[in-house]
């Protein structure tokens, strides 16, 4: 089919949807008559004829003209739809809805297609946003004596035997709670690569401080992307929202299964139906989907591409952790994650 000659009326709708109206000409229908006859003939049995080799006149006599016309139209649309999409540079996603507006023997077929498209949106100056947030005054990160003491106490408890039930001299049951071990050189050396208590304490302070720095860094990343999202108007197609809810629900089910629980029992416990649970996921799902669309656009604008070496290494590590996964499914996910990391690295560099 000549892509330059297919006329279509294109109308943009709300929520990143597009409506396409066009016609299938009589010539376009007739070109597919033989295939339509063969397709329908393979589904019908008529005495005296082999399946798939029923003459057209006998077939029409059996099923009528309209089923044949409908099959011809479906075959034509399977070619015409992608032609219109390419011709009009429509970035369609998901399955289209096709409505036949007018169909009669000997006449062109009028149809309407409604399909979701990748949303078009304008990004704010994301580098300026990142720079402003990076330059905001931060409180000095310090480690208090209480934080050190609490952490040491937690480590002591983790290395203390569980309380054991026993009986006193009168034969009554009592629970003996072991004393916490003394924090001395001998104790800390058993915990890891520490020379003495002073070395242990210094490294503990360093680890607590590093953890607090990581939390501050993560909070900054969240603030940057949330600010970009607030300043970006995105009409999210329902299909993207549904897809992200499906993904989050599947992840939740997998997590619950790993805990040795059943999802339906979990729903009973929280007194919710699966539909109610899906509805609760929707706001977060829409936010995640919009953020990923923003990141994808930035990745494209900044020409960010992770190195083949980094992708290969990450794919291998992931496959070791999940042997059941397939490389062709893991690779796009890894590419997305590494590209996202490069975007946040770029944000961090805006000073």
C-alpha atoms as a PDB file:
ATOM      1  CA  UNK A   1       0.000   0.000   0.000  1.00  0.00           C
ATOM      2  CA  UNK A   2       1.231   3.501  -0.829  1.00  0.00           C
ATOM      3  CA  UNK A   3       1.785   5.201   2.513  1.00  0.00           C
ATOM      4  CA  UNK A   4       1.518   8.694   0.943  1.00  0.00           C
ATOM      5  CA  UNK A   5      -1.990   8.203  -0.429  1.00  0.00           C
ATOM      6  CA  UNK A   6      -3.916   6.944   2.605  1.00  0.00           C
ATOM      7  CA  UNK A   7      -6.124   9.757   3.836  1.00  0.00           C
ATOM      8  CA  UNK A   8      -7.213   9.906   7.448  1.00  0.00           C
ATOM      9  CA  UNK A   9      -8.816  12.421   9.781  1.00  0.00           C
ATOM     10  CA  UNK A  10      -6.788  12.685  13.008  1.00  0.00           C
ATOM     11  CA  UNK A  11      -8.230  14.195  16.181  1.00  0.00           C
ATOM     12  CA  UNK A  12      -6.378  14.543  19.496  1.00  0.00           C
ATOM     13  CA  UNK A  13      -8.465  13.713  22.558  1.00  0.00           C
ATOM     14  CA  UNK A  14      -7.900  14.228  26.284  1.00  0.00           C
ATOM     15  CA  UNK A  15      -5.610  12.005  28.373  1.00  0.00           C
ATOM     16  CA  UNK A  16      -3.175  11.376  25.511  1.00  0.00           C
ATOM     17  CA  UNK A  17      -5.667   9.630  23.237  1.00  0.00           C
ATOM     18  CA  UNK A  18      -6.047   9.980  19.473  1.00  0.00           C
ATOM     19  CA  UNK A  19      -9.076   9.347  17.272  1.00  0.00           C
ATOM     20  CA  UNK A  20      -8.514   8.282  13.662  1.00  0.00           C
ATOM     21  CA  UNK A  21     -11.279   8.214  11.044  1.00  0.00           C
ATOM     22  CA  UNK A  22     -10.784   6.828   7.556  1.00  0.00           C
ATOM     23  CA  UNK A  23     -12.232   4.453   4.973  1.00  0.00           C
ATOM     24  CA  UNK A  24     -11.320   1.151   3.398  1.00  0.00           C
ATOM     25  CA  UNK A  25     -11.859   1.527  -0.326  1.00  0.00           C
ATOM     26  CA  UNK A  26     -13.649  -1.108  -2.406  1.00  0.00           C
ATOM     27  CA  UNK A  27     -10.328  -1.857  -4.121  1.00  0.00           C
ATOM     28  CA  UNK A  28      -8.584  -2.385  -0.754  1.00  0.00           C
ATOM     29  CA  UNK A  29     -11.364  -4.768   0.271  1.00  0.00           C
ATOM     30  CA  UNK A  30     -11.363  -6.756  -2.987  1.00  0.00           C
ATOM     31  CA  UNK A  31      -7.596  -7.293  -2.814  1.00  0.00           C
ATOM     32  CA  UNK A  32      -8.213  -9.315   0.337  1.00  0.00           C
ATOM     33  CA  UNK A  33     -11.252 -11.276  -0.840  1.00  0.00           C
ATOM     34  CA  UNK A  34      -9.365 -14.470  -1.749  1.00  0.00           C
ATOM     35  CA  UNK A  35      -7.575 -14.590   1.615  1.00  0.00           C
ATOM     36  CA  UNK A  36     -10.821 -13.856   3.475  1.00  0.00           C
ATOM     37  CA  UNK A  37     -12.572 -16.727   1.643  1.00  0.00           C
ATOM     38  CA  UNK A  38      -9.724 -19.086   2.546  1.00  0.00           C
ATOM     39  CA  UNK A  39      -9.701 -17.972   6.203  1.00  0.00           C
ATOM     40  CA  UNK A  40     -13.442 -18.425   6.665  1.00  0.00           C
ATOM     41  CA  UNK A  41     -13.427 -21.641   4.640  1.00  0.00           C
ATOM     42  CA  UNK A  42     -10.894 -23.156   7.024  1.00  0.00           C
ATOM     43  CA  UNK A  43     -13.297 -22.617   9.936  1.00  0.00           C
ATOM     44  CA  UNK A  44     -16.395 -24.105   8.307  1.00  0.00           C
ATOM     45  CA  UNK A  45     -17.243 -27.665   7.307  1.00  0.00           C
ATOM     46  CA  UNK A  46     -19.442 -28.273   4.268  1.00  0.00           C
ATOM     47  CA  UNK A  47     -20.114 -31.783   3.007  1.00  0.00           C
ATOM     48  CA  UNK A  48     -18.353 -32.539  -0.257  1.00  0.00           C
ATOM     49  CA  UNK A  49     -15.619 -29.921   0.195  1.00  0.00           C
ATOM     50  CA  UNK A  50     -12.242 -30.030   1.901  1.00  0.00           C
ATOM     51  CA  UNK A  51     -11.701 -27.556   4.736  1.00  0.00           C
ATOM     52  CA  UNK A  52     -10.075 -24.422   3.344  1.00  0.00           C
ATOM     53  CA  UNK A  53     -11.080 -25.227  -0.252  1.00  0.00           C
ATOM     54  CA  UNK A  54     -14.713 -24.159  -0.306  1.00  0.00           C
ATOM     55  CA  UNK A  55     -15.706 -22.125  -3.415  1.00  0.00           C
ATOM     56  CA  UNK A  56     -16.711 -18.544  -2.666  1.00  0.00           C
ATOM     57  CA  UNK A  57     -20.282 -18.846  -3.952  1.00  0.00           C
ATOM     58  CA  UNK A  58     -20.911 -21.938  -1.805  1.00  0.00           C
ATOM     59  CA  UNK A  59     -19.372 -20.212   1.232  1.00  0.00           C
ATOM     60  CA  UNK A  60     -21.497 -17.060   0.815  1.00  0.00           C
ATOM     61  CA  UNK A  61     -24.593 -19.211   0.381  1.00  0.00           C
ATOM     62  CA  UNK A  62     -23.733 -20.870   3.700  1.00  0.00           C
ATOM     63  CA  UNK A  63     -22.721 -17.862   5.852  1.00  0.00           C
ATOM     64  CA  UNK A  64     -23.924 -14.796   3.936  1.00  0.00           C
ATOM     65  CA  UNK A  65     -22.068 -11.779   2.495  1.00  0.00           C
ATOM     66  CA  UNK A  66     -21.545  -9.793   5.727  1.00  0.00           C
ATOM     67  CA  UNK A  67     -19.198 -12.247   7.534  1.00  0.00           C
ATOM     68  CA  UNK A  68     -17.010 -12.309   4.407  1.00  0.00           C
ATOM     69  CA  UNK A  69     -17.057  -8.510   4.184  1.00  0.00           C
ATOM     70  CA  UNK A  70     -16.167  -8.282   7.876  1.00  0.00           C
ATOM     71  CA  UNK A  71     -13.173 -10.623   7.386  1.00  0.00           C
ATOM     72  CA  UNK A  72     -12.012  -8.591   4.365  1.00  0.00           C
ATOM     73  CA  UNK A  73     -12.247  -5.401   6.451  1.00  0.00           C
ATOM     74  CA  UNK A  74     -10.240  -6.943   9.323  1.00  0.00           C
ATOM     75  CA  UNK A  75      -7.496  -8.033   6.925  1.00  0.00           C
ATOM     76  CA  UNK A  76      -7.403  -4.567   5.353  1.00  0.00           C
ATOM     77  CA  UNK A  77      -7.272  -2.834   8.743  1.00  0.00           C
ATOM     78  CA  UNK A  78      -4.281  -4.924   9.823  1.00  0.00           C
ATOM     79  CA  UNK A  79      -2.364  -3.161   7.017  1.00  0.00           C
ATOM     80  CA  UNK A  80      -4.095   0.220   6.999  1.00  0.00           C
ATOM     81  CA  UNK A  81      -3.749   0.936  10.736  1.00  0.00           C
ATOM     82  CA  UNK A  82       0.090   0.762  10.832  1.00  0.00           C
ATOM     83  CA  UNK A  83       0.176   2.722   7.566  1.00  0.00           C
ATOM     84  CA  UNK A  84      -1.810   5.595   9.105  1.00  0.00           C
ATOM     85  CA  UNK A  85       0.306   5.465  12.270  1.00  0.00           C
ATOM     86  CA  UNK A  86       3.531   5.785  10.251  1.00  0.00           C
ATOM     87  CA  UNK A  87       2.089   8.371   7.865  1.00  0.00           C
ATOM     88  CA  UNK A  88       1.005  10.690  10.668  1.00  0.00           C
ATOM     89  CA  UNK A  89       3.907   9.989  13.061  1.00  0.00           C
ATOM     90  CA  UNK A  90       1.516   8.798  15.767  1.00  0.00           C
ATOM     91  CA  UNK A  91       3.410   7.281  18.712  1.00  0.00           C
ATOM     92  CA  UNK A  92       0.711   4.742  19.559  1.00  0.00           C
ATOM     93  CA  UNK A  93       0.923   2.496  22.612  1.00  0.00           C
ATOM     94  CA  UNK A  94      -1.203  -0.503  23.508  1.00  0.00           C
ATOM     95  CA  UNK A  95      -4.021  -2.084  21.543  1.00  0.00           C
ATOM     96  CA  UNK A  96      -6.317   0.228  19.542  1.00  0.00           C
ATOM     97  CA  UNK A  97     -10.100   0.206  19.774  1.00  0.00           C
ATOM     98  CA  UNK A  98     -11.625  -0.184  16.316  1.00  0.00           C
ATOM     99  CA  UNK A  99     -15.251   0.768  15.582  1.00  0.00           C
ATOM    100  CA  UNK A 100     -16.857   0.130  12.208  1.00  0.00           C
ATOM    101  CA  UNK A 101     -19.059   3.138  11.446  1.00  0.00           C
ATOM    102  CA  UNK A 102     -20.525   1.989   8.127  1.00  0.00           C
ATOM    103  CA  UNK A 103     -20.320  -1.331   6.312  1.00  0.00           C
ATOM    104  CA  UNK A 104     -22.426  -2.554   3.396  1.00  0.00           C
ATOM    105  CA  UNK A 105     -21.703  -4.848   0.409  1.00  0.00           C
ATOM    106  CA  UNK A 106     -20.385  -2.957  -2.602  1.00  0.00           C
ATOM    107  CA  UNK A 107     -19.455   0.138  -0.560  1.00  0.00           C
ATOM    108  CA  UNK A 108     -16.317   1.456   1.146  1.00  0.00           C
ATOM    109  CA  UNK A 109     -16.058   0.656   4.866  1.00  0.00           C
ATOM    110  CA  UNK A 110     -15.930   3.633   7.219  1.00  0.00           C
ATOM    111  CA  UNK A 111     -14.115   3.107  10.515  1.00  0.00           C
ATOM    112  CA  UNK A 112     -12.895   4.894  13.630  1.00  0.00           C
ATOM    113  CA  UNK A 113      -9.812   3.941  15.651  1.00  0.00           C
ATOM    114  CA  UNK A 114      -9.151   5.217  19.176  1.00  0.00           C
ATOM    115  CA  UNK A 115      -5.677   4.603  20.576  1.00  0.00           C
ATOM    116  CA  UNK A 116      -3.451   5.848  23.393  1.00  0.00           C
ATOM    117  CA  UNK A 117      -0.290   7.735  22.481  1.00  0.00           C
ATOM    118  CA  UNK A 118       2.894   8.612  24.309  1.00  0.00           C
ATOM    119  CA  UNK A 119       2.069  11.854  26.116  1.00  0.00           C
ATOM    120  CA  UNK A 120       3.665  15.028  24.853  1.00  0.00           C
ATOM    121  CA  UNK A 121       4.928  17.378  27.547  1.00  0.00           C
ATOM    122  CA  UNK A 122       7.432  20.161  28.070  1.00  0.00           C
ATOM    123  CA  UNK A 123      10.103  19.748  30.725  1.00  0.00           C
ATOM    124  CA  UNK A 124      11.122  22.633  32.988  1.00  0.00           C
ATOM    125  CA  UNK A 125      14.792  23.607  33.304  1.00  0.00           C
ATOM    126  CA  UNK A 126      15.714  20.470  35.250  1.00  0.00           C
ATOM    127  CA  UNK A 127      19.376  21.426  35.603  1.00  0.00           C
ATOM    128  CA  UNK A 128      18.391  24.751  37.156  1.00  0.00           C
ATOM    129  CA  UNK A 129      16.064  22.944  39.576  1.00  0.00           C
ATOM    130  CA  UNK A 130      18.810  20.484  40.545  1.00  0.00           C
ATOM    131  CA  UNK A 131      21.328  23.298  41.045  1.00  0.00           C
ATOM    132  CA  UNK A 132      18.949  25.257  43.286  1.00  0.00           C
ATOM    133  CA  UNK A 133      18.215  22.243  45.499  1.00  0.00           C
ATOM    134  CA  UNK A 134      21.883  21.197  45.623  1.00  0.00           C
ATOM    135  CA  UNK A 135      22.835  24.675  46.821  1.00  0.00           C
ATOM    136  CA  UNK A 136      20.243  24.814  49.592  1.00  0.00           C
ATOM    137  CA  UNK A 137      21.830  25.145  53.026  1.00  0.00           C
ATOM    138  CA  UNK A 138      22.246  21.750  54.653  1.00  0.00           C
ATOM    139  CA  UNK A 139      22.544  21.070  58.349  1.00  0.00           C
ATOM    140  CA  UNK A 140      25.937  19.763  59.377  1.00  0.00           C
ATOM    141  CA  UNK A 141      25.817  15.992  59.691  1.00  0.00           C
ATOM    142  CA  UNK A 142      26.904  14.936  63.160  1.00  0.00           C
ATOM    143  CA  UNK A 143      26.667  11.746  65.190  1.00  0.00           C
ATOM    144  CA  UNK A 144      25.341  12.173  68.731  1.00  0.00           C
ATOM    145  CA  UNK A 145      26.534  10.212  71.751  1.00  0.00           C
ATOM    146  CA  UNK A 146      23.017   8.779  72.108  1.00  0.00           C
ATOM    147  CA  UNK A 147      23.123   7.396  68.544  1.00  0.00           C
ATOM    148  CA  UNK A 148      26.454   5.721  69.298  1.00  0.00           C
ATOM    149  CA  UNK A 149      25.200   4.284  72.605  1.00  0.00           C
ATOM    150  CA  UNK A 150      21.922   3.042  71.079  1.00  0.00           C
ATOM    151  CA  UNK A 151      23.767   1.331  68.220  1.00  0.00           C
ATOM    152  CA  UNK A 152      26.247  -0.351  70.585  1.00  0.00           C
ATOM    153  CA  UNK A 153      23.374  -1.559  72.798  1.00  0.00           C
ATOM    154  CA  UNK A 154      21.628  -2.987  69.726  1.00  0.00           C
ATOM    155  CA  UNK A 155      24.841  -4.833  68.743  1.00  0.00           C
ATOM    156  CA  UNK A 156      25.172  -6.178  72.304  1.00  0.00           C
ATOM    157  CA  UNK A 157      21.586  -7.480  72.211  1.00  0.00           C
ATOM    158  CA  UNK A 158      22.164  -9.093  68.802  1.00  0.00           C
ATOM    159  CA  UNK A 159      25.100 -10.994  70.324  1.00  0.00           C
ATOM    160  CA  UNK A 160      23.325 -12.104  73.494  1.00  0.00           C
ATOM    161  CA  UNK A 161      21.655 -15.540  73.842  1.00  0.00           C
ATOM    162  CA  UNK A 162      17.849 -15.567  73.955  1.00  0.00           C
ATOM    163  CA  UNK A 163      16.209 -15.626  77.413  1.00  0.00           C
ATOM    164  CA  UNK A 164      15.766 -19.234  78.557  1.00  0.00           C
ATOM    165  CA  UNK A 165      12.971 -20.604  80.774  1.00  0.00           C
ATOM    166  CA  UNK A 166      14.189 -22.511  83.862  1.00  0.00           C
ATOM    167  CA  UNK A 167      12.987 -23.469  87.344  1.00  0.00           C
ATOM    168  CA  UNK A 168      13.944 -21.960  90.663  1.00  0.00           C
ATOM    169  CA  UNK A 169      14.701 -23.875  93.890  1.00  0.00           C
ATOM    170  CA  UNK A 170      10.980 -24.220  94.612  1.00  0.00           C
ATOM    171  CA  UNK A 171      10.331 -25.679  91.166  1.00  0.00           C
ATOM    172  CA  UNK A 172       8.585 -22.590  89.832  1.00  0.00           C
ATOM    173  CA  UNK A 173       9.280 -21.570  86.245  1.00  0.00           C
ATOM    174  CA  UNK A 174      11.227 -18.382  85.661  1.00  0.00           C
ATOM    175  CA  UNK A 175      12.918 -16.761  82.689  1.00  0.00           C
ATOM    176  CA  UNK A 176      16.611 -16.029  82.961  1.00  0.00           C
ATOM    177  CA  UNK A 177      17.616 -12.994  80.916  1.00  0.00           C
ATOM    178  CA  UNK A 178      21.350 -13.124  80.113  1.00  0.00           C
ATOM    179  CA  UNK A 179      23.383 -10.020  80.824  1.00  0.00           C
ATOM    180  CA  UNK A 180      24.625  -8.002  77.873  1.00  0.00           C
ATOM    181  CA  UNK A 181      28.231  -8.794  76.985  1.00  0.00           C
ATOM    182  CA  UNK A 182      30.838  -6.263  78.037  1.00  0.00           C
ATOM    183  CA  UNK A 183      32.136  -4.119  75.191  1.00  0.00           C
ATOM    184  CA  UNK A 184      35.856  -4.774  75.436  1.00  0.00           C
ATOM    185  CA  UNK A 185      38.668  -5.488  72.982  1.00  0.00           C
ATOM    186  CA  UNK A 186      37.918  -9.209  72.976  1.00  0.00           C
ATOM    187  CA  UNK A 187      34.227  -8.620  72.196  1.00  0.00           C
ATOM    188  CA  UNK A 188      34.769  -6.178  69.297  1.00  0.00           C
ATOM    189  CA  UNK A 189      37.431  -8.381  67.693  1.00  0.00           C
ATOM    190  CA  UNK A 190      34.809 -11.139  67.418  1.00  0.00           C
ATOM    191  CA  UNK A 191      32.498  -8.744  65.579  1.00  0.00           C
ATOM    192  CA  UNK A 192      34.866  -7.993  62.707  1.00  0.00           C
ATOM    193  CA  UNK A 193      38.106  -6.379  61.640  1.00  0.00           C
ATOM    194  CA  UNK A 194      38.604  -4.146  64.690  1.00  0.00           C
ATOM    195  CA  UNK A 195      41.864  -3.632  66.613  1.00  0.00           C
ATOM    196  CA  UNK A 196      40.275  -2.546  69.870  1.00  0.00           C
ATOM    197  CA  UNK A 197      37.274  -0.710  71.332  1.00  0.00           C
ATOM    198  CA  UNK A 198      38.578   2.682  70.169  1.00  0.00           C
ATOM    199  CA  UNK A 199      38.929   1.399  66.586  1.00  0.00           C
ATOM    200  CA  UNK A 200      35.450  -0.168  66.750  1.00  0.00           C
ATOM    201  CA  UNK A 201      33.923   3.062  68.058  1.00  0.00           C
ATOM    202  CA  UNK A 202      35.650   5.216  65.402  1.00  0.00           C
ATOM    203  CA  UNK A 203      34.452   2.965  62.569  1.00  0.00           C
ATOM    204  CA  UNK A 204      30.966   2.830  64.069  1.00  0.00           C
ATOM    205  CA  UNK A 205      30.771   6.635  64.080  1.00  0.00           C
ATOM    206  CA  UNK A 206      32.010   6.663  60.477  1.00  0.00           C
ATOM    207  CA  UNK A 207      29.325   4.154  59.414  1.00  0.00           C
ATOM    208  CA  UNK A 208      26.510   6.015  61.183  1.00  0.00           C
ATOM    209  CA  UNK A 209      27.634   9.277  59.585  1.00  0.00           C
ATOM    210  CA  UNK A 210      27.822   7.645  56.141  1.00  0.00           C
ATOM    211  CA  UNK A 211      24.330   6.247  56.561  1.00  0.00           C
ATOM    212  CA  UNK A 212      22.991   9.685  57.482  1.00  0.00           C
ATOM    213  CA  UNK A 213      24.782  11.234  54.482  1.00  0.00           C
ATOM    214  CA  UNK A 214      23.190   8.626  52.194  1.00  0.00           C
ATOM    215  CA  UNK A 215      19.742   9.461  53.581  1.00  0.00           C
ATOM    216  CA  UNK A 216      20.328  13.169  52.942  1.00  0.00           C
ATOM    217  CA  UNK A 217      21.538  12.410  49.407  1.00  0.00           C
ATOM    218  CA  UNK A 218      18.507  10.203  48.723  1.00  0.00           C
ATOM    219  CA  UNK A 219      16.136  12.858  50.084  1.00  0.00           C
ATOM    220  CA  UNK A 220      17.774  15.410  47.762  1.00  0.00           C
ATOM    221  CA  UNK A 221      17.229  13.138  44.737  1.00  0.00           C
ATOM    222  CA  UNK A 222      13.578  12.689  45.667  1.00  0.00           C
ATOM    223  CA  UNK A 223      13.128  16.455  46.110  1.00  0.00           C
ATOM    224  CA  UNK A 224      14.692  17.198  42.703  1.00  0.00           C
ATOM    225  CA  UNK A 225      12.575  14.697  40.752  1.00  0.00           C
ATOM    226  CA  UNK A 226       9.415  15.622  42.708  1.00  0.00           C
ATOM    227  CA  UNK A 227       9.994  19.307  41.911  1.00  0.00           C
ATOM    228  CA  UNK A 228      10.474  18.508  38.214  1.00  0.00           C
ATOM    229  CA  UNK A 229       7.269  16.439  38.321  1.00  0.00           C
ATOM    230  CA  UNK A 230       5.334  19.284  39.990  1.00  0.00           C
ATOM    231  CA  UNK A 231       6.408  21.642  37.187  1.00  0.00           C
ATOM    232  CA  UNK A 232       5.591  19.178  34.380  1.00  0.00           C
ATOM    233  CA  UNK A 233       2.051  18.684  33.095  1.00  0.00           C
ATOM    234  CA  UNK A 234       1.606  15.125  31.836  1.00  0.00           C
ATOM    235  CA  UNK A 235      -1.680  13.636  30.631  1.00  0.00           C
ATOM    236  CA  UNK A 236      -1.102   9.993  31.442  1.00  0.00           C
ATOM    237  CA  UNK A 237      -2.897   7.457  29.205  1.00  0.00           C
ATOM    238  CA  UNK A 238      -4.975   4.965  31.180  1.00  0.00           C
ATOM    239  CA  UNK A 239      -3.064   2.068  29.612  1.00  0.00           C
ATOM    240  CA  UNK A 240       0.221   3.260  31.189  1.00  0.00           C
ATOM    241  CA  UNK A 241      -1.452   3.683  34.575  1.00  0.00           C
ATOM    242  CA  UNK A 242      -2.983   0.187  34.399  1.00  0.00           C
ATOM    243  CA  UNK A 243       0.338  -1.321  33.324  1.00  0.00           C
ATOM    244  CA  UNK A 244       2.182   0.208  36.307  1.00  0.00           C
ATOM    245  CA  UNK A 245      -0.536  -0.913  38.741  1.00  0.00           C
ATOM    246  CA  UNK A 246      -0.225  -4.434  37.288  1.00  0.00           C
ATOM    247  CA  UNK A 247       3.547  -4.336  37.806  1.00  0.00           C
ATOM    248  CA  UNK A 248       3.267  -3.096  41.402  1.00  0.00           C
ATOM    249  CA  UNK A 249       0.581  -5.676  42.195  1.00  0.00           C
ATOM    250  CA  UNK A 250       2.704  -8.503  40.762  1.00  0.00           C
ATOM    251  CA  UNK A 251       5.660  -7.324  42.879  1.00  0.00           C
ATOM    252  CA  UNK A 252       3.496  -7.221  46.017  1.00  0.00           C
ATOM    253  CA  UNK A 253       2.199 -10.741  45.346  1.00  0.00           C
ATOM    254  CA  UNK A 254       5.764 -12.012  44.816  1.00  0.00           C
ATOM    255  CA  UNK A 255       6.942 -10.379  48.075  1.00  0.00           C
ATOM    256  CA  UNK A 256       4.055 -11.894  50.037  1.00  0.00           C
ATOM    257  CA  UNK A 257       4.689 -15.340  48.515  1.00  0.00           C
ATOM    258  CA  UNK A 258       8.370 -15.129  49.522  1.00  0.00           C
ATOM    259  CA  UNK A 259       7.211 -14.528  53.090  1.00  0.00           C
ATOM    260  CA  UNK A 260       5.340 -17.831  52.941  1.00  0.00           C
ATOM    261  CA  UNK A 261       1.906 -16.179  52.809  1.00  0.00           C
ATOM    262  CA  UNK A 262      -0.977 -16.311  50.348  1.00  0.00           C
ATOM    263  CA  UNK A 263      -2.163 -13.095  48.706  1.00  0.00           C
ATOM    264  CA  UNK A 264      -5.872 -13.877  49.173  1.00  0.00           C
ATOM    265  CA  UNK A 265      -5.248 -14.488  52.888  1.00  0.00           C
ATOM    266  CA  UNK A 266      -3.360 -11.184  53.053  1.00  0.00           C
ATOM    267  CA  UNK A 267      -6.361  -9.405  51.492  1.00  0.00           C
ATOM    268  CA  UNK A 268      -8.641 -11.040  54.077  1.00  0.00           C
ATOM    269  CA  UNK A 269      -6.336  -9.809  56.844  1.00  0.00           C
ATOM    270  CA  UNK A 270      -6.392  -6.194  55.634  1.00  0.00           C
ATOM    271  CA  UNK A 271     -10.128  -6.494  54.826  1.00  0.00           C
ATOM    272  CA  UNK A 272      -9.831  -5.419  51.200  1.00  0.00           C
ATOM    273  CA  UNK A 273     -10.754  -6.839  47.801  1.00  0.00           C
ATOM    274  CA  UNK A 274      -8.122  -7.034  45.075  1.00  0.00           C
ATOM    275  CA  UNK A 275      -9.923  -4.229  43.219  1.00  0.00           C
ATOM    276  CA  UNK A 276      -9.773  -1.999  46.320  1.00  0.00           C
ATOM    277  CA  UNK A 277      -6.095  -2.837  46.732  1.00  0.00           C
ATOM    278  CA  UNK A 278      -5.465  -1.937  43.057  1.00  0.00           C
ATOM    279  CA  UNK A 279      -7.232   1.398  43.542  1.00  0.00           C
ATOM    280  CA  UNK A 280      -4.959   2.176  46.506  1.00  0.00           C
ATOM    281  CA  UNK A 281      -1.909   1.499  44.334  1.00  0.00           C
ATOM    282  CA  UNK A 282      -3.093   3.783  41.521  1.00  0.00           C
ATOM    283  CA  UNK A 283      -1.861   7.207  42.814  1.00  0.00           C
ATOM    284  CA  UNK A 284       1.662   5.895  43.463  1.00  0.00           C
ATOM    285  CA  UNK A 285       1.602   3.952  40.169  1.00  0.00           C
ATOM    286  CA  UNK A 286       0.705   7.097  38.223  1.00  0.00           C
ATOM    287  CA  UNK A 287       3.451   9.067  39.972  1.00  0.00           C
ATOM    288  CA  UNK A 288       6.056   6.389  39.189  1.00  0.00           C
ATOM    289  CA  UNK A 289       4.939   6.190  35.560  1.00  0.00           C
ATOM    290  CA  UNK A 290       5.151   9.974  35.121  1.00  0.00           C
ATOM    291  CA  UNK A 291       8.602  10.092  36.730  1.00  0.00           C
ATOM    292  CA  UNK A 292       9.857   7.380  34.379  1.00  0.00           C
ATOM    293  CA  UNK A 293       8.468   9.272  31.367  1.00  0.00           C
ATOM    294  CA  UNK A 294      10.346  12.370  32.589  1.00  0.00           C
ATOM    295  CA  UNK A 295      13.562  10.372  33.055  1.00  0.00           C
ATOM    296  CA  UNK A 296      13.170   8.770  29.604  1.00  0.00           C
ATOM    297  CA  UNK A 297      12.832  12.232  28.040  1.00  0.00           C
ATOM    298  CA  UNK A 298      15.908  13.557  29.885  1.00  0.00           C
ATOM    299  CA  UNK A 299      17.878  10.452  28.861  1.00  0.00           C
ATOM    300  CA  UNK A 300      16.974  11.177  25.233  1.00  0.00           C
ATOM    301  CA  UNK A 301      17.747  14.908  25.479  1.00  0.00           C
ATOM    302  CA  UNK A 302      21.120  14.303  27.155  1.00  0.00           C
ATOM    303  CA  UNK A 303      22.030  11.356  24.855  1.00  0.00           C
ATOM    304  CA  UNK A 304      22.643   9.127  27.875  1.00  0.00           C
ATOM    305  CA  UNK A 305      23.637   5.556  27.009  1.00  0.00           C
ATOM    306  CA  UNK A 306      25.153   3.136  29.532  1.00  0.00           C
ATOM    307  CA  UNK A 307      28.292   1.356  28.352  1.00  0.00           C
ATOM    308  CA  UNK A 308      27.964  -2.179  26.984  1.00  0.00           C
ATOM    309  CA  UNK A 309      30.452  -3.334  29.623  1.00  0.00           C
ATOM    310  CA  UNK A 310      28.361  -1.942  32.500  1.00  0.00           C
ATOM    311  CA  UNK A 311      25.164  -3.419  31.057  1.00  0.00           C
ATOM    312  CA  UNK A 312      26.761  -6.834  30.557  1.00  0.00           C
ATOM    313  CA  UNK A 313      28.195  -6.869  34.087  1.00  0.00           C
ATOM    314  CA  UNK A 314      24.887  -5.865  35.696  1.00  0.00           C
ATOM    315  CA  UNK A 315      22.910  -8.379  33.615  1.00  0.00           C
ATOM    316  CA  UNK A 316      25.263 -11.192  34.677  1.00  0.00           C
ATOM    317  CA  UNK A 317      24.928 -10.224  38.357  1.00  0.00           C
ATOM    318  CA  UNK A 318      21.142 -10.076  38.109  1.00  0.00           C
ATOM    319  CA  UNK A 319      20.925 -13.440  36.353  1.00  0.00           C
ATOM    320  CA  UNK A 320      23.015 -14.994  39.139  1.00  0.00           C
ATOM    321  CA  UNK A 321      20.494 -13.722  41.681  1.00  0.00           C
ATOM    322  CA  UNK A 322      17.508 -14.758  39.528  1.00  0.00           C
ATOM    323  CA  UNK A 323      18.484 -17.807  37.423  1.00  0.00           C
ATOM    324  CA  UNK A 324      14.889 -18.205  36.231  1.00  0.00           C
ATOM    325  CA  UNK A 325      14.986 -14.828  34.447  1.00  0.00           C
ATOM    326  CA  UNK A 326      15.744 -14.514  30.729  1.00  0.00           C
ATOM    327  CA  UNK A 327      18.573 -12.325  29.458  1.00  0.00           C
ATOM    328  CA  UNK A 328      16.412 -10.652  26.781  1.00  0.00           C
ATOM    329  CA  UNK A 329      13.981  -9.533  29.508  1.00  0.00           C
ATOM    330  CA  UNK A 330      16.635  -8.492  32.031  1.00  0.00           C
ATOM    331  CA  UNK A 331      18.749  -6.426  29.600  1.00  0.00           C
ATOM    332  CA  UNK A 332      16.185  -3.637  28.877  1.00  0.00           C
ATOM    333  CA  UNK A 333      15.492  -3.345  32.610  1.00  0.00           C
ATOM    334  CA  UNK A 334      19.218  -3.014  33.381  1.00  0.00           C
ATOM    335  CA  UNK A 335      19.648  -0.413  30.614  1.00  0.00           C
ATOM    336  CA  UNK A 336      16.792   1.616  32.117  1.00  0.00           C
ATOM    337  CA  UNK A 337      18.176   1.411  35.676  1.00  0.00           C
ATOM    338  CA  UNK A 338      21.717   2.380  34.624  1.00  0.00           C
ATOM    339  CA  UNK A 339      20.411   5.245  32.473  1.00  0.00           C
ATOM    340  CA  UNK A 340      18.289   6.514  35.388  1.00  0.00           C
ATOM    341  CA  UNK A 341      21.370   6.412  37.625  1.00  0.00           C
ATOM    342  CA  UNK A 342      23.262   8.556  35.104  1.00  0.00           C
ATOM    343  CA  UNK A 343      20.457  11.128  35.164  1.00  0.00           C
ATOM    344  CA  UNK A 344      20.635  11.416  38.967  1.00  0.00           C
ATOM    345  CA  UNK A 345      24.423  11.599  38.762  1.00  0.00           C
ATOM    346  CA  UNK A 346      24.006  14.524  36.358  1.00  0.00           C
ATOM    347  CA  UNK A 347      21.584  16.170  38.806  1.00  0.00           C
ATOM    348  CA  UNK A 348      24.148  15.778  41.600  1.00  0.00           C
ATOM    349  CA  UNK A 349      26.805  17.508  39.479  1.00  0.00           C
ATOM    350  CA  UNK A 350      24.725  20.691  39.137  1.00  0.00           C
ATOM    351  CA  UNK A 351      26.381  22.979  41.702  1.00  0.00           C
END
